[in-house]
PDB file of N, CA and C in Angstrom:
ATOM      1  N   MET A   1      50.756  19.530  86.257  1.00  0.00           N
ATOM      2  CA  MET A   1      50.502  18.167  86.991  1.00  0.00           C
ATOM      3  C   MET A   1      51.840  17.807  87.831  1.00  0.00           C
ATOM      4  N   ARG A   2      51.496  17.327  88.962  1.00  0.00           N
ATOM      5  CA  ARG A   2      52.692  17.123  89.831  1.00  0.00           C
ATOM      6  C   ARG A   2      53.411  15.826  89.229  1.00  0.00           C
ATOM      7  N   GLN A   3      54.828  15.913  89.251  1.00  0.00           N
ATOM      8  CA  GLN A   3      55.644  14.856  89.001  1.00  0.00           C
ATOM      9  C   GLN A   3      56.150  14.095  90.095  1.00  0.00           C
ATOM     10  N   TRP A   4      55.777  12.986  90.446  1.00  0.00           N
ATOM     11  CA  TRP A   4      56.132  12.206  91.643  1.00  0.00           C
ATOM     12  C   TRP A   4      57.535  11.504  91.365  1.00  0.00           C
ATOM     13  N   THR A   5      58.407  11.467  92.382  1.00  0.00           N
ATOM     14  CA  THR A   5      59.646  10.881  92.329  1.00  0.00           C
ATOM     15  C   THR A   5      59.105   9.163  92.849  1.00  0.00           C
ATOM     16  N   PRO A   6      59.984   8.298  92.358  1.00  0.00           N
ATOM     17  CA  PRO A   6      59.669   6.926  92.721  1.00  0.00           C
ATOM     18  C   PRO A   6      59.505   6.710  94.071  1.00  0.00           C
ATOM     19  N   GLU A   7      60.369   7.338  94.872  1.00  0.00           N
ATOM     20  CA  GLU A   7      60.304   7.250  96.386  1.00  0.00           C
ATOM     21  C   GLU A   7      59.045   7.822  96.982  1.00  0.00           C
ATOM     22  N   GLU A   8      58.568   9.000  96.407  1.00  0.00           N
ATOM     23  CA  GLU A   8      57.295   9.537  96.821  1.00  0.00           C
ATOM     24  C   GLU A   8      56.130   8.598  96.380  1.00  0.00           C
ATOM     25  N   ARG A   9      56.181   8.084  95.249  1.00  0.00           N
ATOM     26  CA  ARG A   9      55.194   7.106  94.762  1.00  0.00           C
ATOM     27  C   ARG A   9      55.039   5.939  95.714  1.00  0.00           C
ATOM     28  N   GLN A  10      56.162   5.383  96.089  1.00  0.00           N
ATOM     29  CA  GLN A  10      56.236   4.199  96.958  1.00  0.00           C
ATOM     30  C   GLN A  10      55.643   4.623  98.367  1.00  0.00           C
ATOM     31  N   ARG A  11      56.055   5.661  98.875  1.00  0.00           N
ATOM     32  CA  ARG A  11      55.495   6.071 100.190  1.00  0.00           C
ATOM     33  C   ARG A  11      53.927   6.392 100.166  1.00  0.00           C
ATOM     34  N   GLN A  12      53.556   6.992  99.128  1.00  0.00           N
ATOM     35  CA  GLN A  12      52.081   7.332  99.027  1.00  0.00           C
ATOM     36  C   GLN A  12      51.396   5.938  98.847  1.00  0.00           C
ATOM     37  N   SER A  13      51.942   5.072  98.074  1.00  0.00           N
ATOM     38  CA  SER A  13      51.184   3.713  98.022  1.00  0.00           C
ATOM     39  C   SER A  13      51.144   2.970  99.226  1.00  0.00           C
ATOM     40  N   GLU A  14      52.119   2.998 100.066  1.00  0.00           N
ATOM     41  CA  GLU A  14      52.146   2.405 101.325  1.00  0.00           C
ATOM     42  C   GLU A  14      51.049   2.981 102.316  1.00  0.00           C
ATOM     43  N   LEU A  15      51.012   4.318 102.230  1.00  0.00           N
ATOM     44  CA  LEU A  15      50.010   5.214 103.134  1.00  0.00           C
ATOM     45  C   LEU A  15      48.679   4.839 102.650  1.00  0.00           C
ATOM     46  N   ILE A  16      48.412   4.771 101.427  1.00  0.00           N
ATOM     47  CA  ILE A  16      47.013   4.521 100.923  1.00  0.00           C
ATOM     48  C   ILE A  16      46.623   3.135 101.121  1.00  0.00           C
ATOM     49  N   ARG A  17      47.504   2.198 101.042  1.00  0.00           N
ATOM     50  CA  ARG A  17      47.062   0.807 101.475  1.00  0.00           C
ATOM     51  C   ARG A  17      46.796   0.596 102.940  1.00  0.00           C
ATOM     52  N   GLN A  18      47.384   1.444 103.926  1.00  0.00           N
ATOM     53  CA  GLN A  18      46.975   1.534 105.343  1.00  0.00           C
ATOM     54  C   GLN A  18      45.767   2.158 105.550  1.00  0.00           C
ATOM     55  N   TRP A  19      45.573   3.306 104.806  1.00  0.00           N
ATOM     56  CA  TRP A  19      44.394   4.052 104.921  1.00  0.00           C
ATOM     57  C   TRP A  19      43.110   3.430 104.470  1.00  0.00           C
ATOM     58  N   GLN A  20      43.247   2.804 103.214  1.00  0.00           N
ATOM     59  CA  GLN A  20      42.148   2.041 102.548  1.00  0.00           C
ATOM     60  C   GLN A  20      40.868   2.943 102.332  1.00  0.00           C
ATOM     61  N   PRO A  21      40.958   4.061 101.733  1.00  0.00           N
ATOM     62  CA  PRO A  21      39.905   4.886 101.524  1.00  0.00           C
ATOM     63  C   PRO A  21      38.691   4.257 100.616  1.00  0.00           C
ATOM     64  N   TRP A  22      39.026   3.433  99.915  1.00  0.00           N
ATOM     65  CA  TRP A  22      37.956   2.585  99.191  1.00  0.00           C
ATOM     66  C   TRP A  22      36.929   1.923  99.996  1.00  0.00           C
ATOM     67  N   LYS A  23      37.330   1.684 101.249  1.00  0.00           N
ATOM     68  CA  LYS A  23      36.347   0.954 102.167  1.00  0.00           C
ATOM     69  C   LYS A  23      35.378   1.990 102.758  1.00  0.00           C
ATOM     70  N   GLN A  24      35.744   3.206 102.743  1.00  0.00           N
ATOM     71  CA  GLN A  24      34.821   4.455 103.279  1.00  0.00           C
ATOM     72  C   GLN A  24      34.112   5.152 102.153  1.00  0.00           C
ATOM     73  N   SER A  25      34.313   4.673 100.976  1.00  0.00           N
ATOM     74  CA  SER A  25      33.671   5.450  99.941  1.00  0.00           C
ATOM     75  C   SER A  25      32.112   5.072  99.806  1.00  0.00           C
ATOM     76  N   THR A  26      31.326   5.985  99.639  1.00  0.00           N
ATOM     77  CA  THR A  26      29.879   5.827  99.585  1.00  0.00           C
ATOM     78  C   THR A  26      29.363   6.171  98.276  1.00  0.00           C
ATOM     79  N   GLY A  27      30.040   6.944  97.450  1.00  0.00           N
ATOM     80  CA  GLY A  27      29.507   7.462  96.249  1.00  0.00           C
ATOM     81  C   GLY A  27      28.654   8.582  96.418  1.00  0.00           C
ATOM     82  N   PRO A  28      28.152   9.262  95.347  1.00  0.00           N
ATOM     83  CA  PRO A  28      27.307  10.322  95.492  1.00  0.00           C
ATOM     84  C   PRO A  28      26.026   9.950  96.109  1.00  0.00           C
ATOM     85  N   ARG A  29      25.512  10.873  96.990  1.00  0.00           N
ATOM     86  CA  ARG A  29      24.305  10.477  97.702  1.00  0.00           C
ATOM     87  C   ARG A  29      23.126  11.601  97.283  1.00  0.00           C
ATOM     88  N   THR A  30      23.475  12.769  96.980  1.00  0.00           N
ATOM     89  CA  THR A  30      22.614  13.695  96.506  1.00  0.00           C
ATOM     90  C   THR A  30      22.268  13.776  94.995  1.00  0.00           C
ATOM     91  N   VAL A  31      21.241  14.320  94.633  1.00  0.00           N
ATOM     92  CA  VAL A  31      20.857  14.421  93.231  1.00  0.00           C
ATOM     93  C   VAL A  31      21.911  15.315  92.531  1.00  0.00           C
ATOM     94  N   ALA A  32      22.278  16.282  93.212  1.00  0.00           N
ATOM     95  CA  ALA A  32      23.447  17.089  92.572  1.00  0.00           C
ATOM     96  C   ALA A  32      24.812  16.410  92.383  1.00  0.00           C
ATOM     97  N   GLY A  33      25.188  15.631  93.473  1.00  0.00           N
ATOM     98  CA  GLY A  33      26.214  14.938  93.316  1.00  0.00           C
ATOM     99  C   GLY A  33      26.262  13.803  92.354  1.00  0.00           C
ATOM    100  N   LYS A  34      25.058  13.292  92.156  1.00  0.00           N
ATOM    101  CA  LYS A  34      24.966  12.293  91.068  1.00  0.00           C
ATOM    102  C   LYS A  34      25.014  12.795  89.821  1.00  0.00           C
ATOM    103  N   ALA A  35      24.546  14.097  89.582  1.00  0.00           N
ATOM    104  CA  ALA A  35      24.626  14.785  88.409  1.00  0.00           C
ATOM    105  C   ALA A  35      26.094  15.134  87.917  1.00  0.00           C
ATOM    106  N   VAL A  36      26.870  15.526  88.934  1.00  0.00           N
ATOM    107  CA  VAL A  36      28.295  15.854  88.812  1.00  0.00           C
ATOM    108  C   VAL A  36      28.947  14.461  88.237  1.00  0.00           C
ATOM    109  N   CYS A  37      28.778  13.420  88.961  1.00  0.00           N
ATOM    110  CA  CYS A  37      29.408  12.211  88.619  1.00  0.00           C
ATOM    111  C   CYS A  37      29.021  11.640  87.281  1.00  0.00           C
ATOM    112  N   ALA A  38      27.844  12.004  86.827  1.00  0.00           N
ATOM    113  CA  ALA A  38      27.361  11.563  85.544  1.00  0.00           C
ATOM    114  C   ALA A  38      28.150  12.290  84.433  1.00  0.00           C
ATOM    115  N   GLN A  39      28.744  13.513  84.760  1.00  0.00           N
ATOM    116  CA  GLN A  39      29.534  14.134  83.761  1.00  0.00           C
ATOM    117  C   GLN A  39      30.950  13.752  83.619  1.00  0.00           C
ATOM    118  N   ASN A  40      31.413  12.854  84.576  1.00  0.00           N
ATOM    119  CA  ASN A  40      32.679  12.365  84.544  1.00  0.00           C
ATOM    120  C   ASN A  40      32.932  11.588  83.074  1.00  0.00           C
ATOM    121  N   VAL A  41      31.875  10.944  82.524  1.00  0.00           N
ATOM    122  CA  VAL A  41      32.165  10.279  81.383  1.00  0.00           C
ATOM    123  C   VAL A  41      32.395  11.341  80.242  1.00  0.00           C
ATOM    124  N   VAL A  42      31.768  12.436  80.314  1.00  0.00           N
ATOM    125  CA  VAL A  42      31.814  13.500  79.164  1.00  0.00           C
ATOM    126  C   VAL A  42      33.170  14.042  79.222  1.00  0.00           C
ATOM    127  N   VAL A  43      33.884  14.337  80.471  1.00  0.00           N
ATOM    128  CA  VAL A  43      35.085  14.933  80.599  1.00  0.00           C
ATOM    129  C   VAL A  43      36.171  13.903  79.946  1.00  0.00           C
ATOM    130  N   GLY A  44      35.972  12.748  80.346  1.00  0.00           N
ATOM    131  CA  GLY A  44      36.849  11.618  79.734  1.00  0.00           C
ATOM    132  C   GLY A  44      36.772  11.512  78.177  1.00  0.00           C
ATOM    133  N   GLN A  45      35.628  11.585  77.779  1.00  0.00           N
ATOM    134  CA  GLN A  45      35.495  11.552  76.230  1.00  0.00           C
ATOM    135  C   GLN A  45      36.189  12.812  75.629  1.00  0.00           C
ATOM    136  N   GLN A  46      35.845  13.991  76.196  1.00  0.00           N
ATOM    137  CA  GLN A  46      36.497  15.121  75.708  1.00  0.00           C
ATOM    138  C   GLN A  46      38.058  15.021  75.701  1.00  0.00           C
ATOM    139  N   ARG A  47      38.550  14.427  76.764  1.00  0.00           N
ATOM    140  CA  ARG A  47      40.080  14.312  76.866  1.00  0.00           C
ATOM    141  C   ARG A  47      40.678  13.387  75.795  1.00  0.00           C
ATOM    142  N   ARG A  48      39.776  12.215  75.587  1.00  0.00           N
ATOM    143  CA  ARG A  48      40.215  11.318  74.514  1.00  0.00           C
ATOM    144  C   ARG A  48      40.115  11.924  73.116  1.00  0.00           C
ATOM    145  N   GLU A  49      39.201  12.829  72.855  1.00  0.00           N
ATOM    146  CA  GLU A  49      38.951  13.302  71.596  1.00  0.00           C
ATOM    147  C   GLU A  49      40.075  14.373  71.359  1.00  0.00           C
ATOM    148  N   ARG A  50      40.457  15.117  72.398  1.00  0.00           N
ATOM    149  CA  ARG A  50      41.704  15.974  72.168  1.00  0.00           C
ATOM    150  C   ARG A  50      42.890  15.231  71.890  1.00  0.00           C
ATOM    151  N   GLU A  51      43.161  14.039  72.534  1.00  0.00           N
ATOM    152  CA  GLU A  51      44.295  13.287  72.282  1.00  0.00           C
ATOM    153  C   GLU A  51      44.320  12.823  71.114  1.00  0.00           C
ATOM    154  N   LEU A  52      43.143  12.211  70.467  1.00  0.00           N
ATOM    155  CA  LEU A  52      43.117  11.789  69.186  1.00  0.00           C
ATOM    156  C   LEU A  52      43.219  12.747  68.180  1.00  0.00           C
ATOM    157  N   GLU A  53      42.771  13.956  68.326  1.00  0.00           N
ATOM    158  CA  GLU A  53      43.047  15.059  67.378  1.00  0.00           C
ATOM    159  C   GLU A  53      44.520  15.485  67.305  1.00  0.00           C
ATOM    160  N   GLN A  54      45.133  15.393  68.454  1.00  0.00           N
ATOM    161  CA  GLN A  54      46.588  15.566  68.510  1.00  0.00           C
ATOM    162  C   GLN A  54      47.409  14.645  67.824  1.00  0.00           C
ATOM    163  N   ALA A  55      46.985  13.323  67.924  1.00  0.00           N
ATOM    164  CA  ALA A  55      47.587  12.233  67.313  1.00  0.00           C
ATOM    165  C   ALA A  55      47.420  12.448  65.875  1.00  0.00           C
ATOM    166  N   ARG A  56      46.213  12.760  65.369  1.00  0.00           N
ATOM    167  CA  ARG A  56      45.937  13.013  64.001  1.00  0.00           C
ATOM    168  C   ARG A  56      46.767  14.096  63.403  1.00  0.00           C
ATOM    169  N   ALA A  57      47.021  15.056  64.114  1.00  0.00           N
ATOM    170  CA  ALA A  57      47.815  16.194  63.700  1.00  0.00           C
ATOM    171  C   ALA A  57      49.321  15.885  63.439  1.00  0.00           C
ATOM    172  N   GLU A  58      49.698  15.070  64.426  1.00  0.00           N
ATOM    173  CA  GLU A  58      51.172  14.508  64.362  1.00  0.00           C
ATOM    174  C   GLU A  58      51.260  13.522  63.264  1.00  0.00           C
ATOM    175  N   LEU A  59      50.369  12.859  63.000  1.00  0.00           N
ATOM    176  CA  LEU A  59      50.341  11.869  61.831  1.00  0.00           C
ATOM    177  C   LEU A  59      50.361  12.526  60.542  1.00  0.00           C
ATOM    178  N   ALA A  60      49.503  13.697  60.448  1.00  0.00           N
ATOM    179  CA  ALA A  60      49.520  14.626  59.179  1.00  0.00           C
ATOM    180  C   ALA A  60      50.944  15.096  58.908  1.00  0.00           C
ATOM    181  N   ALA A  61      51.351  15.610  60.031  1.00  0.00           N
ATOM    182  CA  ALA A  61      52.814  16.287  59.915  1.00  0.00           C
ATOM    183  C   ALA A  61      53.826  15.351  59.480  1.00  0.00           C
ATOM    184  N   ALA A  62      53.684  14.017  60.130  1.00  0.00           N
ATOM    185  CA  ALA A  62      54.817  13.062  59.616  1.00  0.00           C
ATOM    186  C   ALA A  62      54.517  12.633  58.211  1.00  0.00           C
ATOM    187  N   GLN A  63      53.320  12.598  57.798  1.00  0.00           N
ATOM    188  CA  GLN A  63      52.986  12.218  56.388  1.00  0.00           C
ATOM    189  C   GLN A  63      53.571  13.378  55.411  1.00  0.00           C
ATOM    190  N   GLN A  64      53.310  14.605  55.886  1.00  0.00           N
ATOM    191  CA  GLN A  64      53.870  15.698  55.053  1.00  0.00           C
ATOM    192  C   GLN A  64      55.436  15.557  54.835  1.00  0.00           C
ATOM    193  N   ARG A  65      56.082  15.277  56.075  1.00  0.00           N
ATOM    194  CA  ARG A  65      57.559  15.127  56.006  1.00  0.00           C
ATOM    195  C   ARG A  65      58.020  14.019  55.133  1.00  0.00           C
ATOM    196  N   ILE A  66      57.310  12.923  55.062  1.00  0.00           N
ATOM    197  CA  ILE A  66      57.528  11.762  54.313  1.00  0.00           C
ATOM    198  C   ILE A  66      57.386  12.249  52.875  1.00  0.00           C
ATOM    199  N   ARG A  67      56.356  12.887  52.524  1.00  0.00           N
ATOM    200  CA  ARG A  67      56.043  13.249  51.091  1.00  0.00           C
ATOM    201  C   ARG A  67      57.161  14.301  50.527  1.00  0.00           C
ATOM    202  N   LYS A  68      57.554  15.101  51.478  1.00  0.00           N
ATOM    203  CA  LYS A  68      58.557  16.223  51.075  1.00  0.00           C
ATOM    204  C   LYS A  68      59.867  15.466  50.946  1.00  0.00           C
ATOM    205  N   LEU A  69      60.322  14.492  51.821  1.00  0.00           N
ATOM    206  CA  LEU A  69      61.495  13.649  51.636  1.00  0.00           C
ATOM    207  C   LEU A  69      61.470  12.758  50.495  1.00  0.00           C
ATOM    208  N   THR A  70      60.441  12.250  50.137  1.00  0.00           N
ATOM    209  CA  THR A  70      60.372  11.225  49.122  1.00  0.00           C
ATOM    210  C   THR A  70      60.043  11.790  47.825  1.00  0.00           C
ATOM    211  N   ARG A  71      60.030  13.134  47.592  1.00  0.00           N
ATOM    212  CA  ARG A  71      59.825  13.770  46.076  1.00  0.00           C
ATOM    213  C   ARG A  71      60.968  13.467  45.269  1.00  0.00           C
ATOM    214  N   LYS A  72      62.193  13.604  45.855  1.00  0.00           N
ATOM    215  CA  LYS A  72      63.261  13.301  44.991  1.00  0.00           C
ATOM    216  C   LYS A  72      63.596  11.859  44.952  1.00  0.00           C
ATOM    217  N   LYS A  73      64.599  11.475  44.062  1.00  0.00           N
ATOM    218  CA  LYS A  73      64.969  10.055  43.971  1.00  0.00           C
ATOM    219  C   LYS A  73      65.395   9.482  45.200  1.00  0.00           C
ATOM    220  N   ALA A  74      64.722   8.406  45.663  1.00  0.00           N
ATOM    221  CA  ALA A  74      65.136   7.698  46.821  1.00  0.00           C
ATOM    222  C   ALA A  74      66.598   7.278  46.749  1.00  0.00           C
ATOM    223  N   SER A  75      67.325   7.516  47.866  1.00  0.00           N
ATOM    224  CA  SER A  75      68.642   6.781  48.047  1.00  0.00           C
ATOM    225  C   SER A  75      68.854   6.371  49.364  1.00  0.00           C
ATOM    226  N   VAL A  76      69.900   5.889  49.924  1.00  0.00           N
ATOM    227  CA  VAL A  76      70.208   5.397  51.075  1.00  0.00           C
ATOM    228  C   VAL A  76      70.096   6.543  52.091  1.00  0.00           C
ATOM    229  N   THR A  77      70.700   7.751  51.761  1.00  0.00           N
ATOM    230  CA  THR A  77      70.793   8.913  52.673  1.00  0.00           C
ATOM    231  C   THR A  77      69.312   9.549  52.810  1.00  0.00           C
ATOM    232  N   ASP A  78      68.530   9.295  51.787  1.00  0.00           N
ATOM    233  CA  ASP A  78      67.266   9.845  51.895  1.00  0.00           C
ATOM    234  C   ASP A  78      66.400   8.935  52.929  1.00  0.00           C
ATOM    235  N   TRP A  79      66.759   7.760  52.937  1.00  0.00           N
ATOM    236  CA  TRP A  79      66.006   6.813  53.971  1.00  0.00           C
ATOM    237  C   TRP A  79      66.331   7.217  55.360  1.00  0.00           C
ATOM    238  N   GLU A  80      67.750   7.643  55.440  1.00  0.00           N
ATOM    239  CA  GLU A  80      68.224   8.061  56.786  1.00  0.00           C
ATOM    240  C   GLU A  80      67.583   9.280  57.232  1.00  0.00           C
ATOM    241  N   LEU A  81      67.506  10.283  56.244  1.00  0.00           N
ATOM    242  CA  LEU A  81      66.643  11.557  56.568  1.00  0.00           C
ATOM    243  C   LEU A  81      65.179  11.318  56.962  1.00  0.00           C
ATOM    244  N   LEU A  82      64.569  10.384  56.264  1.00  0.00           N
ATOM    245  CA  LEU A  82      63.251  10.034  56.603  1.00  0.00           C
ATOM    246  C   LEU A  82      63.050   9.350  57.922  1.00  0.00           C
ATOM    247  N   ALA A  83      63.970   8.690  58.432  1.00  0.00           N
ATOM    248  CA  ALA A  83      64.152   8.013  59.699  1.00  0.00           C
ATOM    249  C   ALA A  83      64.175   9.247  60.757  1.00  0.00           C
ATOM    250  N   LYS A  84      65.064  10.011  60.489  1.00  0.00           N
ATOM    251  CA  LYS A  84      65.353  11.259  61.388  1.00  0.00           C
ATOM    252  C   LYS A  84      64.038  12.125  61.532  1.00  0.00           C
ATOM    253  N   ALA A  85      63.411  12.308  60.222  1.00  0.00           N
ATOM    254  CA  ALA A  85      62.200  13.111  60.308  1.00  0.00           C
ATOM    255  C   ALA A  85      60.996  12.492  61.173  1.00  0.00           C
ATOM    256  N   LEU A  86      61.052  11.266  61.140  1.00  0.00           N
ATOM    257  CA  LEU A  86      60.026  10.496  61.844  1.00  0.00           C
ATOM    258  C   LEU A  86      60.448  10.147  63.313  1.00  0.00           C
ATOM    259  N   ASP A  87      61.600  10.686  63.765  1.00  0.00           N
ATOM    260  CA  ASP A  87      62.326  10.476  65.082  1.00  0.00           C
ATOM    261  C   ASP A  87      62.496   8.962  65.453  1.00  0.00           C
ATOM    262  N   PHE A  88      62.980   8.198  64.393  1.00  0.00           N
ATOM    263  CA  PHE A  88      63.250   6.758  64.689  1.00  0.00           C
ATOM    264  C   PHE A  88      64.615   6.823  65.082  1.00  0.00           C
TER     265      PHE A  88
END
């Protein structure tokens, strides 16, 4: 995915405001086009499910690090290690 610089983003924003493509948009006109557009929600749901699964995996890994660090008797240094493990 392209990484836009702030200057590029500003220039593109100005160009789009002049161009105003939303005024020319008609949406899908054919049955095939409407079918493609109907799938947009499916693609979005799949992306959200992947993001949720990744977040769950990260949470499980963090919980495992917490369990590993808290097995021994807690002390001040253990809490510092815990914060490091969780990237605080």
